[in-house]
Amino acid sequence: MHSSGHIPVMLREAIGALAPKDGGVHVDMTYGDGGYTRALLESAAVHVWAIDRDPDAIARAQTLVTHYRGRLRVVLARFSEAAKVLRSEGVTHVAGVVMDLGVSSQQLDQAERGFSFSKDGPLDMRMGVDGPSAADLVNTMAEVDLADTLFRLGEERHARRIARAVVEMRGRRRIDRTRDLAEIVADAAPAERRREGHTIHPATRTFQALRMLVNDELGELERGLDAAEDLLAPEGRLAVVAFHSLEDRTVKQFLTERTGNVPNPSRHAPPAVAQRAPTFRLQHRGVEKPTAAETIDNPRSRSARLRAAIRTDAPTWARAA
């Protein structure tokens, strides 16, 4: 467990997939609370570049930077900037890349960050410090666009109903607090969703969708995977832990394409993807899931899915920015 109390999910499996060796250079694209970074540094005499778009995470990392004396560098950047940032520091190839796509416990626990419907605070949700906040979007988006976002990113079945309630409320007053939005969603939810003891809070999917939109999480993930492909040396290893079905689907599609396993619609049809040499091979078919013991010890891990692959020596398909 990290000193913050955060428990890294599927840590043993992810580090096993990366198989760090002395002298290797690894990239933790989602530093967060430092769980994967610390495990990498403890597993072998490796060097780690830790990347996060959250200034608070970078500030917390300074303790580890001091402790590991020259083996850890931390960088404030997005997924999409990883390859560019490392190349500017003279790092062109690395032995491993790990990505943990979950929201960090620190972000959820700090009410002022606005990620949690269970803690009242400003309706912000930005992982970084730039761009519009969740409040900006909630108070300006067209009703149809808000409903589409809740349905597409939150997989919220009652998206139209919730969007209508949000628009009606903001016509009377601006929605600026997490508690206000959570109450609006809860009041708009069907009676069965509001029953005491229901396992999922009515606002869960709405908050998830807004967070993903505010931070362009799927777009950043796609660009981050391109950056990993660009950075990894032949036989370098990629490990991605996803918690959301849309994120896991994005990773699956990337690896399906990059391993050359895209099925053709018909044997008479042209190849579904232009014939390029595969840039990855899978470490195992499908996904790895957390053990039963881990899900008991850490219920947050229940939805986790790990996908891992090994870089081939084929040229990068899409040069990362």
Protein backbone atom coordinates (compact mmCIF):
# COMPACT_ATOMS: atom_id res chain seq x y z
CA MET A 1 0.00 0.00 0.00
CA HIS A 2 1.17 3.51 -0.80
CA SER A 3 1.67 5.93 2.07
CA SER A 4 -1.45 7.81 0.97
CA GLY A 5 -3.59 4.75 1.69
CA HIS A 6 -4.17 4.15 -2.02
CA ILE A 7 -3.92 0.48 -3.02
CA PRO A 8 -2.52 -0.03 -6.55
CA VAL A 9 -4.78 -2.44 -8.42
CA MET A 10 -3.36 -5.61 -10.01
CA LEU A 11 0.11 -4.43 -9.04
CA ARG A 12 1.72 -7.88 -9.01
CA GLU A 13 0.27 -8.76 -12.42
CA ALA A 14 1.25 -5.43 -13.99
CA ILE A 15 4.84 -5.57 -12.75
CA GLY A 16 5.03 -9.21 -13.84
CA ALA A 17 3.92 -8.21 -17.32
CA LEU A 18 6.60 -5.49 -17.47
CA ALA A 19 9.34 -7.87 -16.24
CA PRO A 20 11.74 -5.05 -15.26
CA LYS A 21 15.47 -5.77 -15.47
CA ASP A 22 18.47 -3.90 -14.08
CA GLY A 23 19.41 -0.93 -16.23
CA GLY A 24 16.05 -0.67 -17.97
CA VAL A 25 14.14 2.58 -18.45
CA HIS A 26 10.41 2.51 -17.73
CA VAL A 27 7.61 5.03 -18.04
CA ASP A 28 4.69 5.29 -15.63
CA MET A 29 2.25 7.39 -17.65
CA THR A 30 -0.17 7.73 -14.73
CA TYR A 31 1.90 8.44 -11.62
CA GLY A 32 -1.12 9.22 -9.42
CA ASP A 33 -0.11 8.10 -5.94
CA GLY A 34 3.09 6.41 -7.08
CA GLY A 35 2.19 2.78 -6.48
CA TYR A 36 3.39 1.39 -9.81
CA THR A 37 6.42 3.67 -9.88
CA ARG A 38 7.53 2.55 -6.42
CA ALA A 39 7.02 -1.12 -7.33
CA LEU A 40 9.12 -0.73 -10.48
CA LEU A 41 11.95 0.96 -8.58
CA GLU A 42 11.89 -1.75 -5.92
CA SER A 43 11.75 -4.64 -8.39
CA ALA A 44 15.09 -3.97 -10.12
CA ALA A 45 17.76 -1.31 -10.59
CA VAL A 46 15.67 0.52 -13.19
CA HIS A 47 15.16 4.17 -14.02
CA VAL A 48 11.58 5.47 -14.14
CA TRP A 49 10.05 8.48 -15.83
CA ALA A 50 6.77 9.25 -14.04
CA ILE A 51 4.23 11.36 -15.93
CA ASP A 52 1.04 12.96 -14.64
CA ARG A 53 -1.07 15.90 -15.74
CA ASP A 54 -2.03 16.68 -12.12
CA PRO A 55 0.32 19.20 -10.44
CA ASP A 56 -0.62 17.80 -7.03
CA ALA A 57 0.59 14.34 -8.04
CA ILE A 58 3.88 15.77 -9.27
CA ALA A 59 4.33 17.63 -5.97
CA ARG A 60 3.69 14.43 -3.98
CA ALA A 61 6.25 12.58 -6.09
CA GLN A 62 9.16 14.66 -4.80
CA THR A 63 9.52 12.42 -1.75
CA LEU A 64 10.17 9.42 -3.99
CA VAL A 65 12.52 11.46 -6.20
CA THR A 66 14.66 12.16 -3.15
CA HIS A 67 14.45 8.61 -1.84
CA TYR A 68 15.52 6.92 -5.08
CA ARG A 69 18.42 9.29 -5.77
CA GLY A 70 18.64 9.80 -9.50
CA ARG A 71 16.55 6.81 -10.59
CA LEU A 72 13.24 8.70 -10.79
CA ARG A 73 12.28 11.71 -12.87
CA VAL A 74 8.78 13.20 -12.73
CA VAL A 75 7.19 15.27 -15.49
CA LEU A 76 4.00 17.33 -15.59
CA ALA A 77 2.46 16.26 -18.90
CA ARG A 78 -0.44 14.48 -20.57
CA PHE A 79 -0.41 11.00 -22.14
CA SER A 80 -0.32 12.56 -25.56
CA GLU A 81 2.87 14.51 -24.74
CA ALA A 82 4.85 11.57 -23.35
CA ALA A 83 6.91 10.72 -26.42
CA LYS A 84 7.67 14.37 -27.22
CA VAL A 85 8.71 15.12 -23.63
CA LEU A 86 10.99 12.10 -23.32
CA ARG A 87 12.61 12.69 -26.70
CA SER A 88 13.36 16.27 -25.63
CA GLU A 89 15.26 14.74 -22.69
CA GLY A 90 17.22 12.42 -24.97
CA VAL A 91 15.14 9.29 -24.22
CA THR A 92 14.16 7.64 -27.50
CA HIS A 93 13.44 4.05 -26.44
CA VAL A 94 12.24 2.49 -23.20
CA ALA A 95 11.85 -1.03 -21.86
CA GLY A 96 8.35 -0.67 -20.48
CA VAL A 97 5.27 1.52 -20.21
CA VAL A 98 2.52 1.16 -17.61
CA MET A 99 -0.83 2.96 -17.58
CA ASP A 100 -3.34 2.82 -14.71
CA LEU A 101 -6.50 4.47 -16.01
CA GLY A 102 -8.35 4.79 -12.71
CA VAL A 103 -8.93 8.05 -10.85
CA SER A 104 -6.53 8.33 -7.93
CA SER A 105 -7.75 8.14 -4.35
CA GLN A 106 -6.17 11.54 -3.70
CA GLN A 107 -8.34 13.13 -6.39
CA LEU A 108 -11.50 11.49 -5.08
CA ASP A 109 -10.74 12.33 -1.45
CA GLN A 110 -10.10 16.04 -2.00
CA ALA A 111 -13.49 17.75 -2.04
CA GLU A 112 -12.04 20.85 -3.68
CA ARG A 113 -11.16 18.85 -6.81
CA GLY A 114 -14.84 18.15 -7.47
CA PHE A 115 -14.52 14.52 -8.58
CA SER A 116 -16.77 12.96 -5.95
CA PHE A 117 -20.52 13.28 -5.51
CA SER A 118 -20.12 12.10 -1.89
CA LYS A 119 -18.08 15.19 -0.89
CA ASP A 120 -19.40 18.68 -1.46
CA GLY A 121 -17.01 20.94 -3.33
CA PRO A 122 -16.61 23.05 -6.47
CA LEU A 123 -17.85 21.20 -9.56
CA ASP A 124 -14.41 21.09 -11.21
CA MET A 125 -13.16 17.56 -12.15
CA ARG A 126 -10.10 18.79 -14.06
CA MET A 127 -7.08 16.52 -13.64
CA GLY A 128 -4.89 19.40 -14.75
CA VAL A 129 -5.34 23.13 -14.38
CA ASP A 130 -6.44 24.13 -17.87
CA GLY A 131 -9.62 23.90 -19.92
CA PRO A 132 -13.28 24.20 -18.94
CA SER A 133 -14.46 22.71 -15.66
CA ALA A 134 -17.41 20.38 -15.21
CA ALA A 135 -19.43 23.37 -13.99
CA ASP A 136 -18.64 25.27 -17.20
CA LEU A 137 -19.91 22.36 -19.28
CA VAL A 138 -22.98 21.58 -17.17
CA ASN A 139 -24.11 25.20 -17.36
CA THR A 140 -23.52 25.74 -21.09
CA MET A 141 -23.98 22.49 -23.03
CA ALA A 142 -27.09 22.07 -25.14
CA GLU A 143 -29.51 19.61 -23.59
CA VAL A 144 -29.13 17.14 -26.47
CA ASP A 145 -25.32 17.25 -26.21
CA LEU A 146 -25.41 16.75 -22.44
CA ALA A 147 -27.75 13.77 -22.82
CA ASP A 148 -25.51 12.28 -25.50
CA THR A 149 -22.46 12.66 -23.25
CA LEU A 150 -24.17 10.97 -20.30
CA PHE A 151 -25.33 8.10 -22.49
CA ARG A 152 -22.09 7.64 -24.44
CA LEU A 153 -19.47 8.15 -21.73
CA GLY A 154 -21.49 7.25 -18.66
CA GLU A 155 -23.64 4.54 -20.23
CA GLU A 156 -26.50 6.21 -18.38
CA ARG A 157 -29.88 4.78 -19.47
CA HIS A 158 -31.75 7.79 -18.11
CA ALA A 159 -29.53 10.37 -19.83
CA ARG A 160 -32.33 12.40 -21.40
CA ARG A 161 -34.25 12.61 -18.16
CA ILE A 162 -31.20 13.77 -16.24
CA ALA A 163 -30.14 16.27 -18.91
CA ARG A 164 -33.62 17.78 -18.90
CA ALA A 165 -33.52 18.19 -15.11
CA VAL A 166 -30.07 19.82 -15.26
CA VAL A 167 -31.19 22.31 -17.93
CA GLU A 168 -34.36 23.16 -15.96
CA MET A 169 -32.35 23.81 -12.79
CA ARG A 170 -29.65 25.92 -14.45
CA GLY A 171 -32.45 28.08 -15.87
CA ARG A 172 -33.12 29.12 -12.28
CA ARG A 173 -29.57 29.20 -10.92
CA ARG A 174 -26.05 28.23 -11.92
CA ILE A 175 -24.92 24.74 -10.85
CA ASP A 176 -21.49 25.13 -9.24
CA ARG A 177 -21.29 22.49 -6.47
CA THR A 178 -20.92 18.72 -6.61
CA ARG A 179 -23.70 18.24 -4.05
CA ASP A 180 -26.09 20.36 -6.12
CA LEU A 181 -25.51 18.26 -9.22
CA ALA A 182 -25.73 14.98 -7.28
CA GLU A 183 -29.08 16.04 -5.82
CA ILE A 184 -30.43 17.07 -9.22
CA VAL A 185 -29.47 13.71 -10.68
CA ALA A 186 -30.84 11.78 -7.71
CA ASP A 187 -34.17 13.63 -7.90
CA ALA A 188 -34.38 12.94 -11.63
CA ALA A 189 -33.58 9.25 -11.29
CA PRO A 190 -36.40 6.67 -11.32
CA ALA A 191 -37.70 5.62 -7.92
CA GLU A 192 -35.91 2.26 -7.99
CA ARG A 193 -32.55 4.03 -8.43
CA ARG A 194 -33.22 6.16 -5.36
CA ARG A 195 -34.13 3.35 -3.00
CA GLU A 196 -32.08 3.18 0.18
CA GLY A 197 -29.54 0.38 -0.08
CA HIS A 198 -29.20 0.56 -3.88
CA THR A 199 -25.60 -0.36 -4.58
CA ILE A 200 -24.86 2.38 -7.13
CA HIS A 201 -25.54 6.03 -6.32
CA PRO A 202 -27.82 7.60 -8.97
CA ALA A 203 -25.14 10.21 -9.80
CA THR A 204 -22.30 7.72 -10.38
CA ARG A 205 -22.61 7.50 -14.16
CA THR A 206 -23.26 11.24 -14.59
CA PHE A 207 -20.11 12.18 -12.68
CA GLN A 208 -18.09 9.57 -14.59
CA ALA A 209 -19.27 10.91 -17.96
CA LEU A 210 -18.53 14.53 -17.08
CA ARG A 211 -15.06 13.65 -15.75
CA MET A 212 -14.23 11.78 -18.94
CA LEU A 213 -15.46 14.69 -21.08
CA VAL A 214 -13.69 17.39 -19.05
CA ASN A 215 -10.36 15.55 -19.34
CA ASP A 216 -10.85 14.10 -22.85
CA GLU A 217 -9.92 10.77 -21.31
CA LEU A 218 -10.65 8.55 -24.32
CA GLY A 219 -8.84 10.89 -26.70
CA GLU A 220 -5.85 11.10 -24.37
CA LEU A 221 -5.84 7.32 -24.01
CA GLU A 222 -5.72 6.84 -27.78
CA ARG A 223 -2.86 9.30 -28.09
CA GLY A 224 -1.12 7.79 -25.07
CA LEU A 225 -1.19 4.34 -26.65
CA ASP A 226 0.34 5.83 -29.81
CA ALA A 227 3.03 7.42 -27.63
CA ALA A 228 3.75 4.08 -25.96
CA GLU A 229 4.11 2.41 -29.35
CA ASP A 230 6.49 5.18 -30.37
CA LEU A 231 8.62 4.92 -27.23
CA LEU A 232 8.91 1.20 -26.68
CA ALA A 233 12.05 -0.53 -27.92
CA PRO A 234 11.81 -3.95 -29.60
CA GLU A 235 10.78 -6.46 -26.89
CA GLY A 236 9.64 -3.53 -24.73
CA ARG A 237 6.50 -4.21 -22.73
CA LEU A 238 3.18 -2.40 -22.36
CA ALA A 239 0.78 -2.97 -19.44
CA VAL A 240 -2.56 -1.14 -19.18
CA VAL A 241 -5.02 -1.43 -16.30
CA ALA A 242 -8.49 -0.12 -17.19
CA PHE A 243 -11.59 0.18 -15.01
CA HIS A 244 -14.18 1.49 -17.45
CA SER A 245 -15.61 -0.57 -20.31
CA LEU A 246 -15.04 2.19 -22.86
CA GLU A 247 -11.39 2.53 -21.83
CA ASP A 248 -10.83 -1.21 -21.93
CA ARG A 249 -12.51 -1.36 -25.34
CA THR A 250 -10.16 1.37 -26.61
CA VAL A 251 -7.11 -0.58 -25.41
CA LYS A 252 -8.48 -3.82 -26.88
CA GLN A 253 -9.11 -2.20 -30.27
CA PHE A 254 -5.63 -0.67 -30.31
CA LEU A 255 -3.95 -4.00 -29.57
CA THR A 256 -6.22 -5.91 -31.94
CA GLU A 257 -5.19 -3.57 -34.73
CA ARG A 258 -1.52 -3.36 -33.84
CA THR A 259 -1.16 -7.14 -33.52
CA GLY A 260 -2.70 -7.67 -36.94
CA ASN A 261 -5.66 -9.59 -35.57
CA VAL A 262 -8.45 -7.51 -37.12
CA PRO A 263 -10.92 -9.96 -38.73
CA ASN A 264 -12.05 -9.39 -42.30
CA PRO A 265 -15.81 -9.15 -42.86
CA SER A 266 -15.53 -11.71 -45.65
CA ARG A 267 -12.82 -13.81 -47.25
CA HIS A 268 -13.55 -11.97 -50.50
CA ALA A 269 -13.19 -8.51 -48.95
CA PRO A 270 -9.93 -6.56 -48.87
CA PRO A 271 -8.01 -6.53 -45.57
CA ALA A 272 -9.80 -4.52 -42.87
CA VAL A 273 -6.56 -2.70 -42.06
CA ALA A 274 -3.85 -1.70 -44.48
CA GLN A 275 -1.19 -4.37 -44.48
CA ARG A 276 1.45 -3.18 -42.06
CA ALA A 277 3.80 -5.19 -39.95
CA PRO A 278 2.35 -5.74 -36.45
CA THR A 279 3.95 -3.51 -33.84
CA PHE A 280 2.88 -5.67 -30.87
CA ARG A 281 2.27 -9.27 -29.92
CA LEU A 282 -0.02 -10.12 -27.03
CA GLN A 283 1.39 -11.55 -23.83
CA HIS A 284 -1.81 -13.51 -23.29
CA ARG A 285 -5.18 -13.78 -24.98
CA GLY A 286 -7.96 -11.64 -23.63
CA VAL A 287 -7.68 -9.84 -20.33
CA GLU A 288 -6.35 -10.63 -16.90
CA LYS A 289 -8.72 -9.96 -14.02
CA PRO A 290 -7.96 -9.41 -10.34
CA THR A 291 -7.89 -12.43 -8.09
CA ALA A 292 -10.78 -13.18 -5.78
CA ALA A 293 -8.54 -12.34 -2.83
CA GLU A 294 -7.74 -8.89 -4.24
CA THR A 295 -11.39 -8.05 -4.87
CA ILE A 296 -12.15 -8.91 -1.24
CA ASP A 297 -9.24 -6.85 0.09
CA ASN A 298 -9.85 -3.97 -2.32
CA PRO A 299 -13.42 -3.81 -3.72
CA ARG A 300 -12.31 -1.02 -6.07
CA SER A 301 -10.40 -3.63 -8.06
CA ARG A 302 -13.50 -5.57 -9.12
CA SER A 303 -13.88 -3.83 -12.47
CA ALA A 304 -10.13 -3.78 -13.28
CA ARG A 305 -8.87 -5.35 -16.50
CA LEU A 306 -5.19 -5.75 -17.45
CA ARG A 307 -4.04 -6.03 -21.05
CA ALA A 308 -0.36 -6.54 -21.81
CA ALA A 309 1.68 -6.75 -25.00
CA ILE A 310 5.29 -6.86 -26.23
CA ARG A 311 6.67 -4.49 -28.87
CA THR A 312 7.98 -5.97 -32.09
CA ASP A 313 10.70 -4.35 -34.20
CA ALA A 314 8.21 -3.08 -36.81
CA PRO A 315 8.05 0.66 -37.54
CA THR A 316 5.63 2.77 -35.53
CA TRP A 317 2.27 3.12 -37.29
CA ALA A 318 1.42 6.64 -36.16
CA ARG A 319 4.11 8.96 -34.96
CA ALA A 320 3.00 10.38 -31.61
CA ALA A 321 2.99 14.16 -31.20
